[in-house]
């Protein structure tokens, strides 16, 4: 079996939307996409989601890593928290995925920290 060709280029928004779809397909809760454009220079988008347990958080993070690589050729620049499953951070440079255990998400309230960011509607028709 040959590796899929990734001749198509994707915008950071398209990639973040695809990651959101992966999370939604795997039953992530409260999936939110924030645009940090004009708010911060560190990245364009934050994608925030919750799992229901440590195991679910790890599975969600792993699914995003695996599926984005397989479908788009994109690999995370940096990964944190995947082994613990409390807060998984996947840094794709132009967008960052945060998958939280519900307890930590309510504690850190990351959406409140970035209240100036625009919430982007998540589209579920992103090409696979």
Protein backbone atom coordinates (compact mmCIF):
# COMPACT_ATOMS: atom_id res chain seq x y z
CA UNK A 1 0.00 0.00 0.00
CA UNK A 2 1.43 3.39 -0.93
CA UNK A 3 1.35 6.49 1.23
CA UNK A 4 -1.34 9.03 0.39
CA UNK A 5 -0.26 11.98 -1.71
CA UNK A 6 -0.58 15.32 0.05
CA UNK A 7 -0.28 17.67 -2.90
CA UNK A 8 -3.13 19.85 -1.64
CA UNK A 9 -2.19 22.69 0.67
CA UNK A 10 -4.48 23.62 3.52
CA UNK A 11 -4.90 26.93 5.30
CA UNK A 12 -4.47 27.03 9.06
CA UNK A 13 -8.23 27.53 9.39
CA UNK A 14 -8.96 24.48 7.22
CA UNK A 15 -6.56 22.39 9.30
CA UNK A 16 -8.06 23.63 12.57
CA UNK A 17 -11.56 22.88 11.22
CA UNK A 18 -10.43 19.37 10.24
CA UNK A 19 -9.00 18.83 13.73
CA UNK A 20 -12.34 20.03 15.16
CA UNK A 21 -14.17 17.50 12.99
CA UNK A 22 -11.86 14.72 14.19
CA UNK A 23 -12.58 15.67 17.80
CA UNK A 24 -16.32 15.91 17.20
CA UNK A 25 -16.38 12.54 15.40
CA UNK A 26 -14.76 11.00 18.47
CA UNK A 27 -17.30 12.45 20.90
CA UNK A 28 -15.26 15.33 22.33
CA UNK A 29 -17.34 17.75 24.40
CA UNK A 30 -17.60 21.53 24.11
CA UNK A 31 -15.41 21.93 21.02
CA UNK A 32 -14.58 25.63 20.54
CA UNK A 33 -12.43 27.30 17.88
CA UNK A 34 -10.99 30.71 18.74
CA UNK A 35 -9.31 33.08 16.29
CA UNK A 36 -6.32 34.76 17.91
CA UNK A 37 -5.60 36.90 14.87
CA UNK A 38 -5.19 40.48 16.05
CA UNK A 39 -5.19 39.28 19.68
CA UNK A 40 -1.88 37.42 19.85
CA UNK A 41 1.08 36.75 17.57
CA UNK A 42 1.77 33.30 19.03
CA UNK A 43 -0.69 31.42 16.78
CA UNK A 44 -3.72 32.01 14.56
CA UNK A 45 -6.19 29.66 16.27
CA UNK A 46 -6.84 27.81 19.51
CA UNK A 47 -8.99 24.70 19.25
CA UNK A 48 -10.30 23.71 22.67
CA UNK A 49 -12.17 20.52 23.57
CA UNK A 50 -12.86 18.26 26.53
CA UNK A 51 -12.73 14.52 26.93
CA UNK A 52 -14.72 12.61 29.52
CA UNK A 53 -11.75 10.88 31.20
CA UNK A 54 -7.96 10.68 31.05
CA UNK A 55 -8.25 7.80 28.60
CA UNK A 56 -10.67 9.74 26.39
CA UNK A 57 -8.41 12.83 26.44
CA UNK A 58 -5.41 10.70 25.38
CA UNK A 59 -7.48 9.02 22.64
CA UNK A 60 -8.70 12.38 21.31
CA UNK A 61 -5.19 13.81 21.19
CA UNK A 62 -3.87 10.68 19.50
CA UNK A 63 -6.67 10.74 16.93
CA UNK A 64 -5.91 14.34 15.95
CA UNK A 65 -2.19 13.56 15.61
CA UNK A 66 -2.77 10.41 13.57
CA UNK A 67 -5.62 11.59 11.36
CA UNK A 68 -4.14 15.00 10.47
CA UNK A 69 -0.87 13.33 9.53
CA UNK A 70 -2.63 10.66 7.47
CA UNK A 71 -5.12 12.99 5.77
CA UNK A 72 -3.08 16.18 5.28
CA UNK A 73 0.54 15.30 5.98
CA UNK A 74 0.57 17.76 8.89
CA UNK A 75 2.55 16.79 11.96
CA UNK A 76 2.51 18.60 15.28
CA UNK A 77 5.57 20.72 15.97
CA UNK A 78 5.29 20.02 19.70
CA UNK A 79 3.16 17.68 21.84
CA UNK A 80 2.61 17.85 25.60
CA UNK A 81 0.51 15.88 28.07
CA UNK A 82 -0.38 12.93 25.85
CA UNK A 83 0.86 10.35 28.36
CA UNK A 84 -0.99 11.84 31.33
CA UNK A 85 -4.28 12.62 29.60
CA UNK A 86 -5.22 15.58 31.77
CA UNK A 87 -4.39 18.38 29.30
CA UNK A 88 -3.07 17.48 25.86
CA UNK A 89 -1.50 20.30 23.87
CA UNK A 90 -0.79 19.79 20.17
CA UNK A 91 1.15 22.71 18.65
CA UNK A 92 0.85 22.91 14.88
CA UNK A 93 2.41 26.42 14.93
CA UNK A 94 -0.46 28.17 13.08
CA UNK A 95 -3.03 26.54 15.36
CA UNK A 96 -2.87 24.87 18.75
CA UNK A 97 -5.17 22.09 19.94
CA UNK A 98 -5.98 21.88 23.65
CA UNK A 99 -7.83 18.78 24.87
CA UNK A 100 -8.73 18.96 28.55
CA UNK A 101 -10.05 16.69 31.23
CA UNK A 102 -13.28 18.51 32.27
CA UNK A 103 -11.94 19.32 35.75
CA UNK A 104 -8.87 21.08 34.36
CA UNK A 105 -10.83 22.90 31.69
CA UNK A 106 -13.13 24.43 34.29
CA UNK A 107 -10.12 25.27 36.49
CA UNK A 108 -8.06 27.02 33.79
CA UNK A 109 -11.00 28.60 31.95
CA UNK A 110 -8.89 29.13 28.86
CA UNK A 111 -11.80 30.62 26.91
CA UNK A 112 -12.13 33.32 29.56
CA UNK A 113 -8.40 34.05 29.34
CA UNK A 114 -8.83 34.65 25.61
CA UNK A 115 -12.16 36.47 25.84
CA UNK A 116 -11.03 39.00 23.23
CA UNK A 117 -10.70 36.25 20.63
CA UNK A 118 -13.46 35.66 18.10
CA UNK A 119 -15.29 32.34 18.27
CA UNK A 120 -15.24 30.69 14.84
CA UNK A 121 -18.19 28.45 13.92
CA UNK A 122 -17.09 24.87 13.44
CA UNK A 123 -17.99 23.42 10.06
CA UNK A 124 -18.45 19.68 9.75
CA UNK A 125 -18.19 19.52 5.97
CA UNK A 126 -14.40 19.76 5.87
CA UNK A 127 -13.01 17.47 3.16
CA UNK A 128 -11.34 14.33 4.37
